[in-house]
Amino acid sequence: MSYGLLMSEQPTFAAFEIQPDPVEPFDWLGRVLTQFAVAERAIGQLCIALDLPIDKGPLSSLQTLCNRLYRSSNKRCQTLLKRIERWRSFRPLRHLLAHASIMVVHDNAGNSFLLTRHLPLDRYDVTPDRLWTRDECQQLLKVASSDGRSITDQIRNLMQTPALMSALKQPDPGSSPG
C-alpha cells in the first residue's frame, strides 16, 4: 500500500485565516523595560564620564546633562538631546509598566489586548489602567528599542571625541561648584 500522492491526484488545501501572533505579555513587558534601561545605563555612563554626580542613581544629573547638551552647538549633542527628551517623555509610561500587573483580555470578537493595572501609590494617585492593542505594543517596543540603541550609540560616539567631552565637562554658567 502506497501513501504517496499519485501524479493524477491534486492535493487539497483548506483555507483558513492566519491570526497574527498574540503578544506574550511578560516577554513584551520585559523587552520594553530592558530597552528603556539600556538608554538609562548609557545616560548614566555619560554622566560619570562628565564627572556629574550620580548619588541618587544614574539619572540624578539628567537635567544638568541636558543643559550641557543644549548649550553645545555640536550637531551630535543636539541630536542626542532630542533623543533623550523623547525618551524622557515616556517616563510616566515607564513607571506604569515597571509597577503594573499585566494580563491578557479578549473582547467579544476574540481580539486580544494587554491590560496593565497599577495599584495606586497613595489615595491621590490616579494612574489609569491601560488597555493595549497588539499594534500599540509593537509600536512601543519599536520606539523603546530605537531609543535605547540610538542613545547608546550616540553616547558611545560622543565619548570617543575628547574635545567634545572636554567642552561638555565645563560647568553651566552661573552654577556653583559641586
C-alpha atoms as a PDB file:
ATOM      1  CA  MET A   1       0.000   0.000   0.000  1.00  0.00           C
ATOM      2  CA  SER A   2       1.414   3.369  -1.033  1.00  0.00           C
ATOM      3  CA  TYR A   3       0.771   6.527   0.968  1.00  0.00           C
ATOM      4  CA  GLY A   4       2.205   8.986  -1.586  1.00  0.00           C
ATOM      5  CA  LEU A   5       0.139  11.095  -3.976  1.00  0.00           C
ATOM      6  CA  LEU A   6      -0.357   9.783  -7.448  1.00  0.00           C
ATOM      7  CA  MET A   7       0.604  12.199 -10.182  1.00  0.00           C
ATOM      8  CA  SER A   8      -3.031  12.477 -11.249  1.00  0.00           C
ATOM      9  CA  GLU A   9      -4.239  13.387  -7.741  1.00  0.00           C
ATOM     10  CA  GLN A  10      -4.361  17.057  -6.775  1.00  0.00           C
ATOM     11  CA  PRO A  11      -3.661  17.919  -3.174  1.00  0.00           C
ATOM     12  CA  THR A  12      -6.387  19.835  -1.397  1.00  0.00           C
ATOM     13  CA  PHE A  13      -5.738  22.742   0.890  1.00  0.00           C
ATOM     14  CA  ALA A  14      -8.124  24.064   3.452  1.00  0.00           C
ATOM     15  CA  ALA A  15      -8.478  27.830   3.560  1.00  0.00           C
ATOM     16  CA  PHE A  16      -8.108  29.411   6.964  1.00  0.00           C
ATOM     17  CA  GLU A  17      -7.379  32.865   8.235  1.00  0.00           C
ATOM     18  CA  ILE A  18      -3.959  33.296   9.787  1.00  0.00           C
ATOM     19  CA  GLN A  19      -4.197  35.231  13.007  1.00  0.00           C
ATOM     20  CA  PRO A  20      -1.186  37.351  13.911  1.00  0.00           C
ATOM     21  CA  ASP A  21       0.880  36.007  16.755  1.00  0.00           C
ATOM     22  CA  PRO A  22      -0.521  37.256  20.035  1.00  0.00           C
ATOM     23  CA  VAL A  23       1.755  39.391  22.149  1.00  0.00           C
ATOM     24  CA  GLU A  24       3.162  37.403  25.056  1.00  0.00           C
ATOM     25  CA  PRO A  25       2.637  39.887  27.880  1.00  0.00           C
ATOM     26  CA  PHE A  26       5.655  39.245  30.080  1.00  0.00           C
ATOM     27  CA  ASP A  27       8.043  38.906  27.155  1.00  0.00           C
ATOM     28  CA  TRP A  28       6.788  42.221  25.732  1.00  0.00           C
ATOM     29  CA  LEU A  29       6.960  43.945  29.116  1.00  0.00           C
ATOM     30  CA  GLY A  30      10.480  42.669  29.765  1.00  0.00           C
ATOM     31  CA  ARG A  31      11.724  43.682  26.329  1.00  0.00           C
ATOM     32  CA  VAL A  32      10.250  47.196  26.575  1.00  0.00           C
ATOM     33  CA  LEU A  33      11.640  47.805  30.063  1.00  0.00           C
ATOM     34  CA  THR A  34      15.022  46.388  29.042  1.00  0.00           C
ATOM     35  CA  GLN A  35      15.278  48.832  26.152  1.00  0.00           C
ATOM     36  CA  PHE A  36      14.377  51.759  28.397  1.00  0.00           C
ATOM     37  CA  ALA A  37      17.029  50.558  30.864  1.00  0.00           C
ATOM     38  CA  VAL A  38      19.663  50.296  28.104  1.00  0.00           C
ATOM     39  CA  ALA A  39      19.215  54.007  27.411  1.00  0.00           C
ATOM     40  CA  GLU A  40      19.280  54.820  31.132  1.00  0.00           C
ATOM     41  CA  ARG A  41      22.534  52.931  31.576  1.00  0.00           C
ATOM     42  CA  ALA A  42      24.168  54.789  28.675  1.00  0.00           C
ATOM     43  CA  ILE A  43      22.992  58.131  30.065  1.00  0.00           C
ATOM     44  CA  GLY A  44      24.448  57.182  33.453  1.00  0.00           C
ATOM     45  CA  GLN A  45      27.766  56.267  31.826  1.00  0.00           C
ATOM     46  CA  LEU A  46      27.888  59.657  30.125  1.00  0.00           C
ATOM     47  CA  CYS A  47      27.129  61.401  33.412  1.00  0.00           C
ATOM     48  CA  ILE A  48      30.008  59.527  35.064  1.00  0.00           C
ATOM     49  CA  ALA A  49      32.338  60.366  32.172  1.00  0.00           C
ATOM     50  CA  LEU A  50      31.420  64.053  32.592  1.00  0.00           C
ATOM     51  CA  ASP A  51      32.067  63.861  36.356  1.00  0.00           C
ATOM     52  CA  LEU A  52      28.415  64.615  37.140  1.00  0.00           C
ATOM     53  CA  PRO A  53      27.108  63.311  40.466  1.00  0.00           C
ATOM     54  CA  ILE A  54      25.048  60.143  40.413  1.00  0.00           C
ATOM     55  CA  ASP A  55      24.468  59.838  44.166  1.00  0.00           C
ATOM     56  CA  LYS A  56      20.756  59.094  43.760  1.00  0.00           C
ATOM     57  CA  GLY A  57      21.060  56.877  40.694  1.00  0.00           C
ATOM     58  CA  PRO A  58      22.174  57.242  37.093  1.00  0.00           C
ATOM     59  CA  LEU A  59      19.590  59.922  36.352  1.00  0.00           C
ATOM     60  CA  SER A  60      20.491  62.205  39.292  1.00  0.00           C
ATOM     61  CA  SER A  61      22.147  64.689  36.938  1.00  0.00           C
ATOM     62  CA  LEU A  62      19.920  64.224  33.912  1.00  0.00           C
ATOM     63  CA  GLN A  63      18.810  67.868  33.844  1.00  0.00           C
ATOM     64  CA  THR A  64      22.407  69.086  34.151  1.00  0.00           C
ATOM     65  CA  LEU A  65      23.410  66.755  31.331  1.00  0.00           C
ATOM     66  CA  CYS A  66      20.568  68.051  29.157  1.00  0.00           C
ATOM     67  CA  ASN A  67      21.588  71.639  29.935  1.00  0.00           C
ATOM     68  CA  ARG A  68      25.152  70.910  28.820  1.00  0.00           C
ATOM     69  CA  LEU A  69      23.991  69.199  25.630  1.00  0.00           C
ATOM     70  CA  TYR A  70      21.670  72.134  24.929  1.00  0.00           C
ATOM     71  CA  ARG A  71      24.492  74.615  25.493  1.00  0.00           C
ATOM     72  CA  SER A  72      26.679  72.836  22.929  1.00  0.00           C
ATOM     73  CA  SER A  73      26.447  73.931  19.312  1.00  0.00           C
ATOM     74  CA  ASN A  74      27.629  70.496  18.170  1.00  0.00           C
ATOM     75  CA  LYS A  75      25.036  68.787  15.967  1.00  0.00           C
ATOM     76  CA  ARG A  76      25.641  65.402  17.618  1.00  0.00           C
ATOM     77  CA  CYS A  77      24.891  66.909  21.032  1.00  0.00           C
ATOM     78  CA  GLN A  78      21.665  68.418  19.725  1.00  0.00           C
ATOM     79  CA  THR A  79      20.626  65.110  18.146  1.00  0.00           C
ATOM     80  CA  LEU A  80      21.330  63.257  21.388  1.00  0.00           C
ATOM     81  CA  LEU A  81      19.411  65.877  23.370  1.00  0.00           C
ATOM     82  CA  LYS A  82      16.344  65.426  21.148  1.00  0.00           C
ATOM     83  CA  ARG A  83      16.503  61.654  21.581  1.00  0.00           C
ATOM     84  CA  ILE A  84      16.909  61.957  25.355  1.00  0.00           C
ATOM     85  CA  GLU A  85      13.955  64.354  25.512  1.00  0.00           C
ATOM     86  CA  ARG A  86      11.775  61.858  23.630  1.00  0.00           C
ATOM     87  CA  TRP A  87      12.981  59.088  25.948  1.00  0.00           C
ATOM     88  CA  ARG A  88      12.181  61.313  28.962  1.00  0.00           C
ATOM     89  CA  SER A  89       8.655  61.890  27.663  1.00  0.00           C
ATOM     90  CA  PHE A  90       7.960  58.200  28.278  1.00  0.00           C
ATOM     91  CA  ARG A  91       8.774  58.448  31.995  1.00  0.00           C
ATOM     92  CA  PRO A  92       5.149  58.112  33.194  1.00  0.00           C
ATOM     93  CA  LEU A  93       4.716  55.108  30.925  1.00  0.00           C
ATOM     94  CA  ARG A  94       7.972  53.527  32.146  1.00  0.00           C
ATOM     95  CA  HIS A  95       6.742  53.991  35.706  1.00  0.00           C
ATOM     96  CA  LEU A  96       3.383  52.437  34.888  1.00  0.00           C
ATOM     97  CA  LEU A  97       4.972  49.422  33.188  1.00  0.00           C
ATOM     98  CA  ALA A  98       7.569  48.913  35.914  1.00  0.00           C
ATOM     99  CA  HIS A  99       4.906  48.734  38.616  1.00  0.00           C
ATOM    100  CA  ALA A 100       1.896  47.317  36.790  1.00  0.00           C
ATOM    101  CA  SER A 101       0.314  43.933  36.832  1.00  0.00           C
ATOM    102  CA  ILE A 102      -0.398  42.698  33.339  1.00  0.00           C
ATOM    103  CA  MET A 103      -2.955  40.324  31.884  1.00  0.00           C
ATOM    104  CA  VAL A 104      -4.457  39.321  28.555  1.00  0.00           C
ATOM    105  CA  VAL A 105      -8.120  40.111  27.970  1.00  0.00           C
ATOM    106  CA  HIS A 106     -10.350  39.346  24.984  1.00  0.00           C
ATOM    107  CA  ASP A 107     -13.296  41.179  23.502  1.00  0.00           C
ATOM    108  CA  ASN A 108     -16.434  39.526  22.119  1.00  0.00           C
ATOM    109  CA  ALA A 109     -14.858  39.267  18.668  1.00  0.00           C
ATOM    110  CA  GLY A 110     -11.939  37.262  20.065  1.00  0.00           C
ATOM    111  CA  ASN A 111      -9.381  40.065  19.761  1.00  0.00           C
ATOM    112  CA  SER A 112      -6.722  40.019  22.472  1.00  0.00           C
ATOM    113  CA  PHE A 113      -5.477  43.012  24.364  1.00  0.00           C
ATOM    114  CA  LEU A 114      -3.000  43.525  27.159  1.00  0.00           C
ATOM    115  CA  LEU A 115      -4.323  45.190  30.267  1.00  0.00           C
ATOM    116  CA  THR A 116      -1.915  46.912  32.607  1.00  0.00           C
ATOM    117  CA  ARG A 117      -3.238  47.670  36.062  1.00  0.00           C
ATOM    118  CA  HIS A 118      -1.466  49.796  38.586  1.00  0.00           C
ATOM    119  CA  LEU A 119      -2.049  49.890  42.304  1.00  0.00           C
ATOM    120  CA  PRO A 120      -2.282  53.487  43.491  1.00  0.00           C
ATOM    121  CA  LEU A 121       0.779  54.896  45.220  1.00  0.00           C
ATOM    122  CA  ASP A 122      -1.482  56.790  47.620  1.00  0.00           C
ATOM    123  CA  ARG A 123      -5.109  57.862  47.791  1.00  0.00           C
ATOM    124  CA  TYR A 124      -4.449  60.719  45.330  1.00  0.00           C
ATOM    125  CA  ASP A 125      -2.762  58.563  42.675  1.00  0.00           C
ATOM    126  CA  VAL A 126      -4.917  58.411  39.566  1.00  0.00           C
ATOM    127  CA  THR A 127      -2.645  56.240  37.431  1.00  0.00           C
ATOM    128  CA  PRO A 128      -5.100  54.729  34.981  1.00  0.00           C
ATOM    129  CA  ASP A 129      -5.395  51.147  33.923  1.00  0.00           C
ATOM    130  CA  ARG A 130      -4.416  50.856  30.287  1.00  0.00           C
ATOM    131  CA  LEU A 131      -5.669  48.590  27.518  1.00  0.00           C
ATOM    132  CA  TRP A 132      -3.025  47.886  24.855  1.00  0.00           C
ATOM    133  CA  THR A 133      -3.706  46.679  21.318  1.00  0.00           C
ATOM    134  CA  ARG A 134      -1.214  44.447  19.569  1.00  0.00           C
ATOM    135  CA  ASP A 135      -0.203  47.380  17.343  1.00  0.00           C
ATOM    136  CA  GLU A 136       0.344  49.668  20.353  1.00  0.00           C
ATOM    137  CA  CYS A 137       2.515  47.012  21.979  1.00  0.00           C
ATOM    138  CA  GLN A 138       4.600  46.627  18.841  1.00  0.00           C
ATOM    139  CA  GLN A 139       4.909  50.401  18.400  1.00  0.00           C
ATOM    140  CA  LEU A 140       6.076  50.977  21.978  1.00  0.00           C
ATOM    141  CA  LEU A 141       8.628  48.179  21.667  1.00  0.00           C
ATOM    142  CA  LYS A 142       9.850  49.668  18.384  1.00  0.00           C
ATOM    143  CA  VAL A 143      10.235  53.158  19.903  1.00  0.00           C
ATOM    144  CA  ALA A 144      11.902  51.837  23.073  1.00  0.00           C
ATOM    145  CA  SER A 145      14.322  49.702  21.029  1.00  0.00           C
ATOM    146  CA  SER A 146      15.125  52.564  18.697  1.00  0.00           C
ATOM    147  CA  ASP A 147      15.717  54.993  21.571  1.00  0.00           C
ATOM    148  CA  GLY A 148      17.807  52.517  23.557  1.00  0.00           C
ATOM    149  CA  ARG A 149      20.011  51.682  20.592  1.00  0.00           C
ATOM    150  CA  SER A 150      20.261  55.270  19.349  1.00  0.00           C
ATOM    151  CA  ILE A 151      21.071  56.829  22.735  1.00  0.00           C
ATOM    152  CA  THR A 152      23.673  54.148  23.428  1.00  0.00           C
ATOM    153  CA  ASP A 153      25.329  54.575  20.021  1.00  0.00           C
ATOM    154  CA  GLN A 154      25.291  58.374  20.178  1.00  0.00           C
ATOM    155  CA  ILE A 155      26.767  58.426  23.676  1.00  0.00           C
ATOM    156  CA  ARG A 156      29.479  55.946  22.691  1.00  0.00           C
ATOM    157  CA  ASN A 157      30.381  58.196  19.739  1.00  0.00           C
ATOM    158  CA  LEU A 158      30.426  61.342  21.909  1.00  0.00           C
ATOM    159  CA  MET A 159      32.651  59.655  24.477  1.00  0.00           C
ATOM    160  CA  GLN A 160      35.175  58.870  21.721  1.00  0.00           C
ATOM    161  CA  THR A 161      35.584  62.583  20.937  1.00  0.00           C
ATOM    162  CA  PRO A 162      37.935  64.052  23.581  1.00  0.00           C
ATOM    163  CA  ALA A 163      37.467  67.713  22.560  1.00  0.00           C
ATOM    164  CA  LEU A 164      33.692  67.424  22.764  1.00  0.00           C
ATOM    165  CA  MET A 165      33.848  65.614  26.110  1.00  0.00           C
ATOM    166  CA  SER A 166      36.134  68.332  27.441  1.00  0.00           C
ATOM    167  CA  ALA A 167      33.674  71.015  26.343  1.00  0.00           C
ATOM    168  CA  LEU A 168      30.756  69.130  27.930  1.00  0.00           C
ATOM    169  CA  LYS A 169      32.663  68.846  31.221  1.00  0.00           C
ATOM    170  CA  GLN A 170      32.611  72.616  31.605  1.00  0.00           C
ATOM    171  CA  PRO A 171      30.059  73.589  34.256  1.00  0.00           C
ATOM    172  CA  ASP A 172      26.991  75.552  33.296  1.00  0.00           C
ATOM    173  CA  PRO A 173      27.480  79.305  33.547  1.00  0.00           C
ATOM    174  CA  GLY A 174      26.203  80.544  36.885  1.00  0.00           C
ATOM    175  CA  SER A 175      26.261  77.117  38.535  1.00  0.00           C
ATOM    176  CA  SER A 176      28.054  76.689  41.815  1.00  0.00           C
ATOM    177  CA  PRO A 177      30.946  74.210  42.001  1.00  0.00           C
ATOM    178  CA  GLY A 178      29.991  70.708  43.280  1.00  0.00           C
END
